[in-house]
Amino acid sequence: MLERTYETVLVAVADAVATVTIHRPEKLNALNARVVDDLRACFADLVDRGDVRAAVLTGAGEKAFVAGADIAAMATMNSEEAARFARKGHELGEQIAALPFPVIAAVNGFALGGGTELALMCDLIYASEKAKFGQPEVGLGVIPGFGGTQRLARRVGVGKARELVLVGATIDATEALAIGLADRVFAPDALLAQCLDAAQKIAKHAPLAVAHAKRALHVGENVALGTAKELEIQAFALCFATEDQKSGMKTFVENPRAPRVFVGR
């Protein structure tokens, strides 16, 4: 089991669920290169632990999940530096997509620019009633650089993505839920508990099946339907080579109400 501390990220693991908190409250958890590097190291370490089956990602304090990218850090970048920073963000997104466990974004406040993009990297987005989403980058002379023009369109549709990116408007949690940007909305004091409850439910399922399902969903949305269906068939078949499938189905046949215990093999 690995133990490491990070400059801008706090991590706690309990009952196979990791809670990852971006901790820059004085900057409203704004993303800079250090935060991205810490998140990448943190998720790699969680995989190496081998006992994590779900994660919740949130921001410190009550005001912000991630208020956006750190504008002060970006203001003096040249084009080459900006490209490196954007690529770093995209690599984080691909890392989260490739994790063997789902990540739930607990959006507890402002999630603007890079904050919305970070939430979009996650498998589920649960929001506080006080959450605010938006891609305001054009008002600063740039565009979204961490996947906002791409993941947003895939999640809410090209038309709504165009409006959010080109107008640069901020929307509340109710509208985010209505357009499919948020999956669930909760009272602020209930958000984290609801995210942890969902994560614990995921953690009780067969971890290899969850990993296969996550991969099929992620890869499938970016390839032709025929290719995606073949991927699903292959992943479905691979589940039948696991101990969890054998024990899970045997237990169900013998007693559908009996609890099923999965070992990840």
Protein backbone atom coordinates (compact mmCIF):
# COMPACT_ATOMS: atom_id res chain seq x y z
CA MET A 1 0.00 0.00 0.00
CA LEU A 2 1.49 3.32 -1.09
CA GLU A 3 1.46 6.49 1.00
CA ARG A 4 2.41 9.85 -0.44
CA THR A 5 1.49 13.46 0.20
CA TYR A 6 0.86 16.02 -2.53
CA GLU A 7 1.30 19.77 -2.52
CA THR A 8 -2.20 20.66 -3.75
CA VAL A 9 -4.27 17.50 -3.31
CA LEU A 10 -5.61 15.70 -0.23
CA VAL A 11 -6.49 12.00 -0.39
CA ALA A 12 -8.41 9.71 1.95
CA VAL A 13 -9.36 6.08 1.31
CA ALA A 14 -12.05 4.21 3.24
CA ASP A 15 -14.01 1.08 2.33
CA ALA A 16 -12.46 0.91 -1.16
CA VAL A 17 -13.53 4.51 -1.96
CA ALA A 18 -11.00 7.32 -2.42
CA THR A 19 -11.90 10.94 -1.74
CA VAL A 20 -9.60 13.27 -3.68
CA THR A 21 -9.78 16.95 -2.75
CA ILE A 22 -8.08 19.73 -4.68
CA HIS A 23 -6.74 21.95 -1.91
CA ARG A 24 -6.04 25.51 -3.00
CA PRO A 25 -8.87 27.27 -1.17
CA GLU A 26 -7.08 30.61 -1.25
CA LYS A 27 -7.18 30.41 -5.08
CA LEU A 28 -10.65 28.79 -5.22
CA ASN A 29 -8.84 25.59 -6.23
CA ALA A 30 -7.76 27.05 -9.57
CA LEU A 31 -5.88 24.66 -11.83
CA ASN A 32 -2.21 25.19 -12.52
CA ALA A 33 0.51 22.80 -13.64
CA ARG A 34 1.21 21.71 -10.05
CA VAL A 35 -2.43 20.72 -9.46
CA VAL A 36 -2.56 18.74 -12.70
CA ASP A 37 0.71 16.98 -11.85
CA ASP A 38 -0.53 16.19 -8.33
CA LEU A 39 -3.81 14.78 -9.66
CA ARG A 40 -1.94 12.60 -12.12
CA ALA A 41 0.40 11.30 -9.42
CA CYS A 42 -2.51 10.78 -7.04
CA PHE A 43 -4.58 8.71 -9.48
CA ALA A 44 -1.53 6.65 -10.43
CA ASP A 45 -0.91 5.92 -6.76
CA LEU A 46 -4.55 4.94 -6.22
CA VAL A 47 -4.27 2.40 -9.04
CA ASP A 48 -1.06 1.04 -7.54
CA ARG A 49 -2.74 0.55 -4.16
CA GLY A 50 -4.98 -2.08 -5.73
CA ASP A 51 -7.80 -1.65 -3.20
CA VAL A 52 -9.66 1.34 -4.66
CA ARG A 53 -12.90 0.60 -6.52
CA ALA A 54 -14.33 4.11 -6.89
CA ALA A 55 -13.27 7.71 -6.30
CA VAL A 56 -14.90 11.05 -5.54
CA LEU A 57 -13.16 14.20 -6.78
CA THR A 58 -14.03 17.54 -5.18
CA GLY A 59 -12.63 20.93 -4.21
CA ALA A 60 -11.74 22.32 -0.80
CA GLY A 61 -14.09 24.81 0.80
CA GLU A 62 -17.69 25.71 0.06
CA LYS A 63 -17.23 28.21 -2.76
CA ALA A 64 -15.57 26.27 -5.54
CA PHE A 65 -15.00 22.86 -7.04
CA VAL A 66 -12.42 24.43 -9.35
CA ALA A 67 -13.06 28.07 -10.18
CA GLY A 68 -11.09 27.70 -13.41
CA ALA A 69 -7.52 27.63 -14.58
CA ASP A 70 -5.06 29.84 -12.71
CA ILE A 71 -5.21 32.95 -14.90
CA ALA A 72 -2.23 34.58 -13.18
CA ALA A 73 -0.11 31.55 -14.06
CA MET A 74 -1.38 31.53 -17.64
CA ALA A 75 -1.14 35.25 -18.38
CA THR A 76 2.56 35.22 -19.27
CA MET A 77 2.59 31.95 -21.25
CA ASN A 78 3.74 31.92 -24.84
CA SER A 79 2.22 29.61 -27.45
CA GLU A 80 4.62 26.75 -26.76
CA GLU A 81 4.05 26.93 -23.01
CA ALA A 82 0.29 27.08 -23.54
CA ALA A 83 0.41 23.98 -25.73
CA ARG A 84 2.35 22.09 -23.05
CA PHE A 85 -0.15 23.14 -20.40
CA ALA A 86 -3.13 22.13 -22.54
CA ARG A 87 -1.52 18.80 -23.39
CA LYS A 88 -0.94 18.18 -19.70
CA GLY A 89 -4.66 18.68 -19.09
CA HIS A 90 -5.64 16.34 -21.91
CA GLU A 91 -3.28 13.69 -20.56
CA LEU A 92 -5.02 13.95 -17.19
CA GLY A 93 -8.36 13.43 -18.92
CA GLU A 94 -7.14 10.33 -20.71
CA GLN A 95 -5.66 9.01 -17.47
CA ILE A 96 -9.00 9.39 -15.68
CA ALA A 97 -10.79 7.72 -18.59
CA ALA A 98 -8.37 4.78 -18.41
CA LEU A 99 -8.66 4.27 -14.65
CA PRO A 100 -10.06 0.84 -13.75
CA PHE A 101 -12.55 2.49 -11.40
CA PRO A 102 -15.14 5.27 -11.92
CA VAL A 103 -14.60 8.83 -10.69
CA ILE A 104 -17.50 10.95 -9.47
CA ALA A 105 -17.09 14.73 -9.63
CA ALA A 106 -18.64 16.34 -6.55
CA VAL A 107 -19.12 19.88 -7.88
CA ASN A 108 -19.60 21.87 -4.71
CA GLY A 109 -19.50 25.40 -6.11
CA PHE A 110 -17.94 27.26 -9.04
CA ALA A 111 -16.77 25.02 -11.88
CA LEU A 112 -15.81 27.48 -14.57
CA GLY A 113 -13.44 26.96 -17.49
CA GLY A 114 -11.00 24.31 -16.36
CA GLY A 115 -13.42 23.41 -13.57
CA THR A 116 -16.13 22.38 -16.00
CA GLU A 117 -13.49 20.61 -18.08
CA LEU A 118 -12.21 18.68 -15.06
CA ALA A 119 -15.74 17.63 -14.16
CA LEU A 120 -16.26 16.48 -17.76
CA MET A 121 -13.23 14.19 -17.42
CA CYS A 122 -15.06 12.26 -14.69
CA ASP A 123 -17.52 9.42 -15.19
CA LEU A 124 -20.36 11.04 -13.24
CA ILE A 125 -21.05 14.66 -12.32
CA TYR A 126 -23.02 15.29 -9.13
CA ALA A 127 -23.57 18.95 -8.30
CA SER A 128 -24.56 21.11 -5.36
CA GLU A 129 -27.59 23.35 -5.83
CA LYS A 130 -25.09 26.20 -5.54
CA ALA A 131 -22.86 24.93 -8.36
CA LYS A 132 -22.11 27.11 -11.37
CA PHE A 133 -20.79 25.82 -14.69
CA GLY A 134 -19.42 27.62 -17.72
CA GLN A 135 -16.74 27.97 -20.38
CA PRO A 136 -15.93 31.70 -20.29
CA GLU A 137 -12.52 31.47 -21.98
CA VAL A 138 -13.39 33.55 -25.06
CA GLY A 139 -13.90 36.51 -22.74
CA LEU A 140 -10.22 36.24 -21.86
CA GLY A 141 -8.97 35.96 -25.43
CA VAL A 142 -8.52 32.17 -25.48
CA ILE A 143 -10.62 29.02 -25.91
CA PRO A 144 -11.14 25.99 -23.64
CA GLY A 145 -7.89 24.02 -23.62
CA PHE A 146 -8.57 20.98 -21.44
CA GLY A 147 -11.20 19.37 -23.67
CA GLY A 148 -14.05 21.82 -23.26
CA THR A 149 -14.81 22.12 -26.96
CA GLN A 150 -14.87 18.33 -27.32
CA ARG A 151 -16.12 16.58 -24.15
CA LEU A 152 -18.79 19.23 -23.61
CA ALA A 153 -20.21 18.70 -27.10
CA ARG A 154 -20.27 14.95 -26.62
CA ARG A 155 -22.08 15.29 -23.33
CA VAL A 156 -24.68 18.00 -23.99
CA GLY A 157 -24.80 18.13 -27.79
CA VAL A 158 -23.04 20.38 -30.27
CA GLY A 159 -25.70 23.09 -30.25
CA LYS A 160 -25.69 23.67 -26.51
CA ALA A 161 -21.89 23.39 -26.41
CA ARG A 162 -21.63 26.11 -29.07
CA GLU A 163 -23.80 28.39 -26.95
CA LEU A 164 -21.82 27.80 -23.76
CA VAL A 165 -18.43 28.19 -25.43
CA LEU A 166 -19.20 31.05 -27.82
CA VAL A 167 -21.44 33.12 -25.55
CA GLY A 168 -19.35 32.28 -22.53
CA ALA A 169 -22.40 32.17 -20.27
CA THR A 170 -22.50 30.73 -16.77
CA ILE A 171 -25.32 28.31 -15.94
CA ASP A 172 -26.61 27.09 -12.59
CA ALA A 173 -27.03 23.52 -11.40
CA THR A 174 -30.68 23.35 -12.44
CA GLU A 175 -29.86 24.18 -16.05
CA ALA A 176 -26.81 21.90 -15.98
CA LEU A 177 -29.08 19.04 -14.93
CA ALA A 178 -31.64 19.92 -17.61
CA ILE A 179 -29.10 19.83 -20.45
CA GLY A 180 -27.33 16.71 -19.17
CA LEU A 181 -24.16 18.38 -17.97
CA ALA A 182 -24.90 17.29 -14.38
CA ASP A 183 -26.24 13.84 -13.58
CA ARG A 184 -27.72 14.65 -10.17
CA VAL A 185 -28.20 17.78 -8.04
CA PHE A 186 -28.27 17.80 -4.24
CA ALA A 187 -28.48 20.25 -1.39
CA PRO A 188 -25.00 21.59 -0.58
CA ASP A 189 -24.76 19.83 2.78
CA ALA A 190 -25.84 16.50 1.24
CA LEU A 191 -23.61 16.50 -1.85
CA LEU A 192 -20.52 14.73 -0.54
CA ALA A 193 -22.53 12.12 1.35
CA GLN A 194 -24.55 11.35 -1.78
CA CYS A 195 -21.38 11.06 -3.86
CA LEU A 196 -19.81 8.73 -1.32
CA ASP A 197 -22.99 6.66 -1.19
CA ALA A 198 -22.93 6.24 -4.98
CA ALA A 199 -19.21 5.41 -4.88
CA GLN A 200 -19.77 2.80 -2.17
CA LYS A 201 -22.51 1.19 -4.26
CA ILE A 202 -20.09 1.01 -7.20
CA ALA A 203 -17.40 -0.42 -4.92
CA LYS A 204 -19.66 -3.32 -3.98
CA HIS A 205 -19.97 -4.45 -7.60
CA ALA A 206 -17.55 -6.73 -9.41
CA PRO A 207 -14.54 -4.45 -10.06
CA LEU A 208 -13.47 -6.14 -13.30
CA ALA A 209 -17.00 -5.86 -14.67
CA VAL A 210 -17.13 -2.18 -13.67
CA ALA A 211 -13.77 -1.59 -15.38
CA HIS A 212 -14.94 -3.32 -18.57
CA ALA A 213 -18.20 -1.35 -18.56
CA LYS A 214 -16.36 1.94 -18.05
CA ARG A 215 -13.98 1.22 -20.92
CA ALA A 216 -16.78 0.15 -23.26
CA LEU A 217 -18.70 3.36 -22.52
CA HIS A 218 -15.64 5.58 -22.96
CA VAL A 219 -14.25 3.99 -26.12
CA GLY A 220 -17.68 3.34 -27.60
CA GLU A 221 -18.68 7.00 -27.75
CA ASN A 222 -15.67 7.80 -29.92
CA VAL A 223 -15.85 5.02 -32.52
CA ALA A 224 -18.34 3.75 -35.09
CA LEU A 225 -21.34 1.85 -33.69
CA GLY A 226 -20.25 -1.43 -35.24
CA THR A 227 -16.83 -1.19 -33.63
CA ALA A 228 -18.39 -0.24 -30.31
CA LYS A 229 -20.74 -3.23 -30.37
CA GLU A 230 -17.85 -5.59 -31.06
CA LEU A 231 -15.97 -4.07 -28.13
CA GLU A 232 -18.99 -4.71 -25.92
CA ILE A 233 -19.19 -8.36 -27.05
CA GLN A 234 -15.52 -8.89 -26.27
CA ALA A 235 -15.76 -7.22 -22.85
CA PHE A 236 -18.92 -9.20 -22.04
CA ALA A 237 -17.14 -12.43 -22.94
CA LEU A 238 -14.07 -11.56 -20.86
CA CYS A 239 -16.26 -11.23 -17.76
CA PHE A 240 -17.08 -14.94 -18.07
CA ALA A 241 -13.42 -15.79 -17.46
CA THR A 242 -13.53 -14.25 -13.97
CA GLU A 243 -14.13 -15.76 -10.55
CA ASP A 244 -16.52 -12.91 -9.80
CA GLN A 245 -18.84 -13.91 -12.64
CA LYS A 246 -18.87 -17.52 -11.47
CA SER A 247 -19.52 -16.74 -7.83
CA GLY A 248 -21.92 -13.86 -8.55
CA MET A 249 -24.19 -15.85 -10.82
CA LYS A 250 -24.00 -18.98 -8.66
CA THR A 251 -25.06 -16.98 -5.60
CA PHE A 252 -27.90 -15.35 -7.53
CA VAL A 253 -29.22 -18.67 -8.83
CA GLU A 254 -29.13 -20.19 -5.36
CA ASN A 255 -30.64 -17.15 -3.62
CA PRO A 256 -31.34 -13.91 -5.54
CA ARG A 257 -31.50 -11.94 -2.29
CA ALA A 258 -28.19 -13.16 -0.90
CA PRO A 259 -25.35 -10.60 -0.84
CA ARG A 260 -22.69 -11.12 -3.46
CA VAL A 261 -19.05 -10.65 -2.55
CA PHE A 262 -16.58 -9.85 -5.34
CA VAL A 263 -12.82 -10.27 -5.06
CA GLY A 264 -11.67 -8.69 -8.33
CA ARG A 265 -10.50 -11.87 -10.02
